[in-house]
Amino acid sequence: MGDTADDNLERLMAKIEVEQGLLFLKGILPQCMDLQNLMAKLMRNFYTSLCREGFTESQALEIIKTHATGLNANLNGEF
């Protein structure tokens, strides 16, 4: 009987953890959406800048796929 009680307690705890996780995600969803919009704008700006500098659209797209916004290298002091 002890094993059943332990199993029930584990399931209950897992359910509580999932519910708490979902509540947390619901709370930060607006910030996540804002961040995604900002990242999209940064990536579009980087793509446009690459094309203006002479890269083909295909080359610029490949660079974006690899480096996303282009900020990572600059933020780490790598140029």
PDB file of N, CA and C in Angstrom:
ATOM      1  N   MET A   1       0.819  -1.194   0.000  1.00  0.00           N
ATOM      2  CA  MET A   1       0.000   0.000   0.000  1.00  0.00           C
ATOM      3  C   MET A   1       0.860   1.254   0.000  1.00  0.00           C
ATOM      4  N   GLY A   2       2.037   1.175   0.602  1.00  0.00           N
ATOM      5  CA  GLY A   2       2.938   2.315   0.643  1.00  0.00           C
ATOM      6  C   GLY A   2       3.393   2.743  -0.733  1.00  0.00           C
ATOM      7  N   ASP A   3       3.608   1.763  -1.619  1.00  0.00           N
ATOM      8  CA  ASP A   3       4.038   2.075  -2.983  1.00  0.00           C
ATOM      9  C   ASP A   3       2.967   2.855  -3.729  1.00  0.00           C
ATOM     10  N   THR A   4       1.710   2.510  -3.521  1.00  0.00           N
ATOM     11  CA  THR A   4       0.607   3.212  -4.186  1.00  0.00           C
ATOM     12  C   THR A   4       0.532   4.654  -3.715  1.00  0.00           C
ATOM     13  N   ALA A   5       0.687   4.852  -2.423  1.00  0.00           N
ATOM     14  CA  ALA A   5       0.656   6.210  -1.869  1.00  0.00           C
ATOM     15  C   ALA A   5       1.820   7.027  -2.425  1.00  0.00           C
ATOM     16  N   ASP A   6       3.001   6.411  -2.518  1.00  0.00           N
ATOM     17  CA  ASP A   6       4.160   7.104  -3.070  1.00  0.00           C
ATOM     18  C   ASP A   6       3.940   7.464  -4.540  1.00  0.00           C
ATOM     19  N   ASP A   7       3.365   6.534  -5.296  1.00  0.00           N
ATOM     20  CA  ASP A   7       3.076   6.795  -6.711  1.00  0.00           C
ATOM     21  C   ASP A   7       2.081   7.936  -6.861  1.00  0.00           C
ATOM     22  N   ASN A   8       1.043   7.925  -6.036  1.00  0.00           N
ATOM     23  CA  ASN A   8       0.037   8.989  -6.076  1.00  0.00           C
ATOM     24  C   ASN A   8       0.659  10.338  -5.729  1.00  0.00           C
ATOM     25  N   LEU A   9       1.530  10.341  -4.725  1.00  0.00           N
ATOM     26  CA  LEU A   9       2.198  11.579  -4.322  1.00  0.00           C
ATOM     27  C   LEU A   9       3.107  12.091  -5.441  1.00  0.00           C
ATOM     28  N   GLU A  10       3.835  11.198  -6.076  1.00  0.00           N
ATOM     29  CA  GLU A  10       4.703  11.595  -7.186  1.00  0.00           C
ATOM     30  C   GLU A  10       3.893  12.169  -8.343  1.00  0.00           C
ATOM     31  N   ARG A  11       2.768  11.536  -8.663  1.00  0.00           N
ATOM     32  CA  ARG A  11       1.914  12.046  -9.749  1.00  0.00           C
ATOM     33  C   ARG A  11       1.351  13.418  -9.397  1.00  0.00           C
ATOM     34  N   LEU A  12       0.937  13.576  -8.145  1.00  0.00           N
ATOM     35  CA  LEU A  12       0.396  14.857  -7.692  1.00  0.00           C
ATOM     36  C   LEU A  12       1.464  15.946  -7.768  1.00  0.00           C
ATOM     37  N   MET A  13       2.654  15.623  -7.309  1.00  0.00           N
ATOM     38  CA  MET A  13       3.753  16.602  -7.349  1.00  0.00           C
ATOM     39  C   MET A  13       4.098  16.964  -8.795  1.00  0.00           C
ATOM     40  N   ALA A  14       4.115  15.991  -9.676  1.00  0.00           N
ATOM     41  CA  ALA A  14       4.404  16.248 -11.090  1.00  0.00           C
ATOM     42  C   ALA A  14       3.326  17.145 -11.686  1.00  0.00           C
ATOM     43  N   LYS A  15       2.074  16.893 -11.341  1.00  0.00           N
ATOM     44  CA  LYS A  15       0.968  17.713 -11.842  1.00  0.00           C
ATOM     45  C   LYS A  15       1.100  19.150 -11.346  1.00  0.00           C
ATOM     46  N   ILE A  16       1.444  19.319 -10.089  1.00  0.00           N
ATOM     47  CA  ILE A  16       1.620  20.659  -9.515  1.00  0.00           C
ATOM     48  C   ILE A  16       2.767  21.386 -10.218  1.00  0.00           C
ATOM     49  N   GLU A  17       3.857  20.679 -10.466  1.00  0.00           N
ATOM     50  CA  GLU A  17       4.997  21.294 -11.147  1.00  0.00           C
ATOM     51  C   GLU A  17       4.624  21.742 -12.560  1.00  0.00           C
ATOM     52  N   VAL A  18       3.862  20.926 -13.264  1.00  0.00           N
ATOM     53  CA  VAL A  18       3.422  21.286 -14.615  1.00  0.00           C
ATOM     54  C   VAL A  18       2.525  22.517 -14.553  1.00  0.00           C
ATOM     55  N   GLU A  19       1.587  22.527 -13.613  1.00  0.00           N
ATOM     56  CA  GLU A  19       0.680  23.672 -13.486  1.00  0.00           C
ATOM     57  C   GLU A  19       1.442  24.949 -13.156  1.00  0.00           C
ATOM     58  N   GLN A  20       2.435  24.846 -12.262  1.00  0.00           N
ATOM     59  CA  GLN A  20       3.236  26.018 -11.914  1.00  0.00           C
ATOM     60  C   GLN A  20       4.047  26.495 -13.116  1.00  0.00           C
ATOM     61  N   GLY A  21       4.571  25.549 -13.877  1.00  0.00           N
ATOM     62  CA  GLY A  21       5.321  25.902 -15.076  1.00  0.00           C
ATOM     63  C   GLY A  21       4.461  26.614 -16.097  1.00  0.00           C
ATOM     64  N   LEU A  22       3.247  26.112 -16.289  1.00  0.00           N
ATOM     65  CA  LEU A  22       2.326  26.752 -17.233  1.00  0.00           C
ATOM     66  C   LEU A  22       1.948  28.159 -16.787  1.00  0.00           C
ATOM     67  N   LEU A  23       1.708  28.333 -15.495  1.00  0.00           N
ATOM     68  CA  LEU A  23       1.399  29.669 -14.980  1.00  0.00           C
ATOM     69  C   LEU A  23       2.565  30.625 -15.204  1.00  0.00           C
ATOM     70  N   PHE A  24       3.783  30.143 -14.992  1.00  0.00           N
ATOM     71  CA  PHE A  24       4.966  30.972 -15.216  1.00  0.00           C
ATOM     72  C   PHE A  24       5.065  31.367 -16.683  1.00  0.00           C
ATOM     73  N   LEU A  25       4.873  30.390 -17.576  1.00  0.00           N
ATOM     74  CA  LEU A  25       4.955  30.676 -19.010  1.00  0.00           C
ATOM     75  C   LEU A  25       3.877  31.656 -19.456  1.00  0.00           C
ATOM     76  N   LYS A  26       2.684  31.514 -18.923  1.00  0.00           N
ATOM     77  CA  LYS A  26       1.614  32.466 -19.247  1.00  0.00           C
ATOM     78  C   LYS A  26       1.991  33.871 -18.804  1.00  0.00           C
ATOM     79  N   GLY A  27       2.686  33.962 -17.682  1.00  0.00           N
ATOM     80  CA  GLY A  27       3.090  35.265 -17.157  1.00  0.00           C
ATOM     81  C   GLY A  27       4.144  35.954 -18.005  1.00  0.00           C
ATOM     82  N   ILE A  28       5.039  35.173 -18.598  1.00  0.00           N
ATOM     83  CA  ILE A  28       6.113  35.785 -19.384  1.00  0.00           C
ATOM     84  C   ILE A  28       5.828  35.798 -20.882  1.00  0.00           C
ATOM     85  N   LEU A  29       4.676  35.282 -21.287  1.00  0.00           N
ATOM     86  CA  LEU A  29       4.346  35.215 -22.712  1.00  0.00           C
ATOM     87  C   LEU A  29       4.411  36.575 -23.404  1.00  0.00           C
ATOM     88  N   PRO A  30       3.861  37.642 -22.827  1.00  0.00           N
ATOM     89  CA  PRO A  30       3.955  38.940 -23.510  1.00  0.00           C
ATOM     90  C   PRO A  30       5.407  39.390 -23.742  1.00  0.00           C
ATOM     91  N   GLN A  31       6.275  39.171 -22.766  1.00  0.00           N
ATOM     92  CA  GLN A  31       7.674  39.544 -22.926  1.00  0.00           C
ATOM     93  C   GLN A  31       8.342  38.696 -24.001  1.00  0.00           C
ATOM     94  N   CYS A  32       7.997  37.412 -24.057  1.00  0.00           N
ATOM     95  CA  CYS A  32       8.555  36.534 -25.086  1.00  0.00           C
ATOM     96  C   CYS A  32       8.140  36.997 -26.477  1.00  0.00           C
ATOM     97  N   MET A  33       6.890  37.382 -26.607  1.00  0.00           N
ATOM     98  CA  MET A  33       6.399  37.852 -27.899  1.00  0.00           C
ATOM     99  C   MET A  33       7.090  39.153 -28.304  1.00  0.00           C
ATOM    100  N   ASP A  34       7.297  40.055 -27.345  1.00  0.00           N
ATOM    101  CA  ASP A  34       8.016  41.299 -27.628  1.00  0.00           C
ATOM    102  C   ASP A  34       9.444  41.005 -28.064  1.00  0.00           C
ATOM    103  N   LEU A  35      10.087  40.067 -27.392  1.00  0.00           N
ATOM    104  CA  LEU A  35      11.450  39.689 -27.740  1.00  0.00           C
ATOM    105  C   LEU A  35      11.514  39.086 -29.138  1.00  0.00           C
ATOM    106  N   GLN A  36      10.563  38.240 -29.472  1.00  0.00           N
ATOM    107  CA  GLN A  36      10.532  37.647 -30.811  1.00  0.00           C
ATOM    108  C   GLN A  36      10.363  38.712 -31.882  1.00  0.00           C
ATOM    109  N   ASN A  37       9.502  39.693 -31.639  1.00  0.00           N
ATOM    110  CA  ASN A  37       9.316  40.780 -32.599  1.00  0.00           C
ATOM    111  C   ASN A  37      10.592  41.594 -32.758  1.00  0.00           C
ATOM    112  N   LEU A  38      11.267  41.855 -31.659  1.00  0.00           N
ATOM    113  CA  LEU A  38      12.520  42.596 -31.714  1.00  0.00           C
ATOM    114  C   LEU A  38      13.594  41.813 -32.471  1.00  0.00           C
ATOM    115  N   MET A  39      13.686  40.523 -32.197  1.00  0.00           N
ATOM    116  CA  MET A  39      14.666  39.689 -32.884  1.00  0.00           C
ATOM    117  C   MET A  39      14.397  39.653 -34.385  1.00  0.00           C
ATOM    118  N   ALA A  40      13.128  39.576 -34.761  1.00  0.00           N
ATOM    119  CA  ALA A  40      12.766  39.566 -36.184  1.00  0.00           C
ATOM    120  C   ALA A  40      13.195  40.874 -36.849  1.00  0.00           C
ATOM    121  N   LYS A  41      12.980  41.993 -36.178  1.00  0.00           N
ATOM    122  CA  LYS A  41      13.377  43.288 -36.730  1.00  0.00           C
ATOM    123  C   LYS A  41      14.896  43.380 -36.869  1.00  0.00           C
ATOM    124  N   LEU A  42      15.612  42.897 -35.848  1.00  0.00           N
ATOM    125  CA  LEU A  42      17.073  42.911 -35.913  1.00  0.00           C
ATOM    126  C   LEU A  42      17.599  42.050 -37.052  1.00  0.00           C
ATOM    127  N   MET A  43      17.004  40.870 -37.210  1.00  0.00           N
ATOM    128  CA  MET A  43      17.439  39.978 -38.283  1.00  0.00           C
ATOM    129  C   MET A  43      17.141  40.582 -39.652  1.00  0.00           C
ATOM    130  N   ARG A  44      15.985  41.206 -39.802  1.00  0.00           N
ATOM    131  CA  ARG A  44      15.631  41.854 -41.069  1.00  0.00           C
ATOM    132  C   ARG A  44      16.591  43.004 -41.363  1.00  0.00           C
ATOM    133  N   ASN A  45      16.920  43.778 -40.345  1.00  0.00           N
ATOM    134  CA  ASN A  45      17.857  44.887 -40.506  1.00  0.00           C
ATOM    135  C   ASN A  45      19.237  44.384 -40.913  1.00  0.00           C
ATOM    136  N   PHE A  46      19.681  43.296 -40.294  1.00  0.00           N
ATOM    137  CA  PHE A  46      20.979  42.703 -40.615  1.00  0.00           C
ATOM    138  C   PHE A  46      20.973  42.199 -42.061  1.00  0.00           C
ATOM    139  N   TYR A  47      19.890  41.524 -42.440  1.00  0.00           N
ATOM    140  CA  TYR A  47      19.750  41.019 -43.808  1.00  0.00           C
ATOM    141  C   TYR A  47      19.817  42.170 -44.818  1.00  0.00           C
ATOM    142  N   THR A  48      19.057  43.217 -44.567  1.00  0.00           N
ATOM    143  CA  THR A  48      19.031  44.376 -45.465  1.00  0.00           C
ATOM    144  C   THR A  48      20.403  45.025 -45.559  1.00  0.00           C
ATOM    145  N   SER A  49      21.078  45.137 -44.436  1.00  0.00           N
ATOM    146  CA  SER A  49      22.424  45.731 -44.423  1.00  0.00           C
ATOM    147  C   SER A  49      23.404  44.884 -45.233  1.00  0.00           C
ATOM    148  N   LEU A  50      23.306  43.578 -45.100  1.00  0.00           N
ATOM    149  CA  LEU A  50      24.189  42.697 -45.864  1.00  0.00           C
ATOM    150  C   LEU A  50      23.949  42.862 -47.365  1.00  0.00           C
ATOM    151  N   CYS A  51      22.691  42.932 -47.759  1.00  0.00           N
ATOM    152  CA  CYS A  51      22.366  43.121 -49.179  1.00  0.00           C
ATOM    153  C   CYS A  51      22.888  44.465 -49.679  1.00  0.00           C
ATOM    154  N   ARG A  52      22.753  45.506 -48.870  1.00  0.00           N
ATOM    155  CA  ARG A  52      23.262  46.831 -49.256  1.00  0.00           C
ATOM    156  C   ARG A  52      24.777  46.836 -49.410  1.00  0.00           C
ATOM    157  N   GLU A  53      25.440  45.990 -48.639  1.00  0.00           N
ATOM    158  CA  GLU A  53      26.903  45.928 -48.686  1.00  0.00           C
ATOM    159  C   GLU A  53      27.413  45.059 -49.824  1.00  0.00           C
ATOM    160  N   GLY A  54      26.507  44.476 -50.603  1.00  0.00           N
ATOM    161  CA  GLY A  54      26.925  43.737 -51.783  1.00  0.00           C
ATOM    162  C   GLY A  54      26.726  42.236 -51.746  1.00  0.00           C
ATOM    163  N   PHE A  55      26.259  41.713 -50.653  1.00  0.00           N
ATOM    164  CA  PHE A  55      25.967  40.287 -50.606  1.00  0.00           C
ATOM    165  C   PHE A  55      24.702  40.022 -51.412  1.00  0.00           C
ATOM    166  N   THR A  56      24.634  38.873 -52.054  1.00  0.00           N
ATOM    167  CA  THR A  56      23.397  38.507 -52.742  1.00  0.00           C
ATOM    168  C   THR A  56      22.350  38.166 -51.691  1.00  0.00           C
ATOM    169  N   GLU A  57      21.093  38.129 -52.093  1.00  0.00           N
ATOM    170  CA  GLU A  57      20.030  37.779 -51.161  1.00  0.00           C
ATOM    171  C   GLU A  57      20.262  36.382 -50.585  1.00  0.00           C
ATOM    172  N   SER A  58      20.720  35.477 -51.435  1.00  0.00           N
ATOM    173  CA  SER A  58      20.988  34.105 -50.986  1.00  0.00           C
ATOM    174  C   SER A  58      22.131  34.074 -49.971  1.00  0.00           C
ATOM    175  N   GLN A  59      23.194  34.815 -50.253  1.00  0.00           N
ATOM    176  CA  GLN A  59      24.325  34.862 -49.318  1.00  0.00           C
ATOM    177  C   GLN A  59      23.899  35.485 -47.992  1.00  0.00           C
ATOM    178  N   ALA A  60      23.135  36.568 -48.077  1.00  0.00           N
ATOM    179  CA  ALA A  60      22.671  37.243 -46.859  1.00  0.00           C
ATOM    180  C   ALA A  60      21.797  36.303 -46.032  1.00  0.00           C
ATOM    181  N   LEU A  61      20.945  35.556 -46.694  1.00  0.00           N
ATOM    182  CA  LEU A  61      20.082  34.614 -45.983  1.00  0.00           C
ATOM    183  C   LEU A  61      20.897  33.533 -45.287  1.00  0.00           C
ATOM    184  N   GLU A  62      21.922  33.024 -45.950  1.00  0.00           N
ATOM    185  CA  GLU A  62      22.786  32.014 -45.332  1.00  0.00           C
ATOM    186  C   GLU A  62      23.517  32.586 -44.115  1.00  0.00           C
ATOM    187  N   ILE A  63      23.960  33.829 -44.226  1.00  0.00           N
ATOM    188  CA  ILE A  63      24.634  34.475 -43.079  1.00  0.00           C
ATOM    189  C   ILE A  63      23.650  34.624 -41.928  1.00  0.00           C
ATOM    190  N   ILE A  64      22.429  35.042 -42.223  1.00  0.00           N
ATOM    191  CA  ILE A  64      21.405  35.187 -41.185  1.00  0.00           C
ATOM    192  C   ILE A  64      21.118  33.837 -40.529  1.00  0.00           C
ATOM    193  N   LYS A  65      21.034  32.782 -41.322  1.00  0.00           N
ATOM    194  CA  LYS A  65      20.782  31.447 -40.761  1.00  0.00           C
ATOM    195  C   LYS A  65      21.871  31.051 -39.779  1.00  0.00           C
ATOM    196  N   THR A  66      23.096  31.433 -40.095  1.00  0.00           N
ATOM    197  CA  THR A  66      24.233  31.054 -39.265  1.00  0.00           C
ATOM    198  C   THR A  66      24.407  31.963 -38.055  1.00  0.00           C
ATOM    199  N   HIS A  67      24.216  33.267 -38.273  1.00  0.00           N
ATOM    200  CA  HIS A  67      24.551  34.245 -37.231  1.00  0.00           C
ATOM    201  C   HIS A  67      23.355  34.986 -36.647  1.00  0.00           C
ATOM    202  N   ALA A  68      22.160  34.665 -37.071  1.00  0.00           N
ATOM    203  CA  ALA A  68      20.923  35.295 -36.572  1.00  0.00           C
ATOM    204  C   ALA A  68      20.988  36.810 -36.729  1.00  0.00           C
ATOM    205  N   THR A  69      21.103  37.531 -35.631  1.00  0.00           N
ATOM    206  CA  THR A  69      21.056  38.990 -35.698  1.00  0.00           C
ATOM    207  C   THR A  69      22.402  39.609 -36.012  1.00  0.00           C
ATOM    208  N   GLY A  70      23.474  38.846 -35.882  1.00  0.00           N
ATOM    209  CA  GLY A  70      24.801  39.407 -36.069  1.00  0.00           C
ATOM    210  C   GLY A  70      25.355  40.040 -34.811  1.00  0.00           C
ATOM    211  N   LEU A  71      24.573  40.032 -33.741  1.00  0.00           N
ATOM    212  CA  LEU A  71      25.005  40.673 -32.496  1.00  0.00           C
ATOM    213  C   LEU A  71      25.942  39.795 -31.664  1.00  0.00           C
ATOM    214  N   ASN A  72      25.802  38.482 -31.747  1.00  0.00           N
ATOM    215  CA  ASN A  72      26.579  37.582 -30.884  1.00  0.00           C
ATOM    216  C   ASN A  72      28.066  37.857 -30.969  1.00  0.00           C
ATOM    217  N   ALA A  73      28.603  37.929 -32.184  1.00  0.00           N
ATOM    218  CA  ALA A  73      30.032  38.127 -32.354  1.00  0.00           C
ATOM    219  C   ALA A  73      30.461  39.473 -31.778  1.00  0.00           C
ATOM    220  N   ASN A  74      29.659  40.493 -32.039  1.00  0.00           N
ATOM    221  CA  ASN A  74      30.014  41.833 -31.546  1.00  0.00           C
ATOM    222  C   ASN A  74      29.929  41.923 -30.026  1.00  0.00           C
ATOM    223  N   LEU A  75      28.964  41.275 -29.444  1.00  0.00           N
ATOM    224  CA  LEU A  75      28.818  41.323 -27.987  1.00  0.00           C
ATOM    225  C   LEU A  75      29.940  40.581 -27.286  1.00  0.00           C
ATOM    226  N   ASN A  76      30.528  39.593 -27.943  1.00  0.00           N
ATOM    227  CA  ASN A  76      31.616  38.832 -27.355  1.00  0.00           C
ATOM    228  C   ASN A  76      32.981  39.424 -27.684  1.00  0.00           C
ATOM    229  N   GLY A  77      32.994  40.572 -28.353  1.00  0.00           N
ATOM    230  CA  GLY A  77      34.250  41.207 -28.693  1.00  0.00           C
ATOM    231  C   GLY A  77      34.937  40.586 -29.892  1.00  0.00           C
ATOM    232  N   GLU A  78      34.225  39.750 -30.645  1.00  0.00           N
ATOM    233  CA  GLU A  78      34.799  39.113 -31.827  1.00  0.00           C
ATOM    234  C   GLU A  78      34.318  39.868 -33.060  1.00  0.00           C
ATOM    235  N   PHE A  79      35.250  40.278 -33.883  1.00  0.00           N
ATOM    236  CA  PHE A  79      34.854  41.023 -35.092  1.00  0.00           C
ATOM    237  C   PHE A  79      35.318  40.330 -36.330  1.00  0.00           C
TER     238      PHE A  79
END
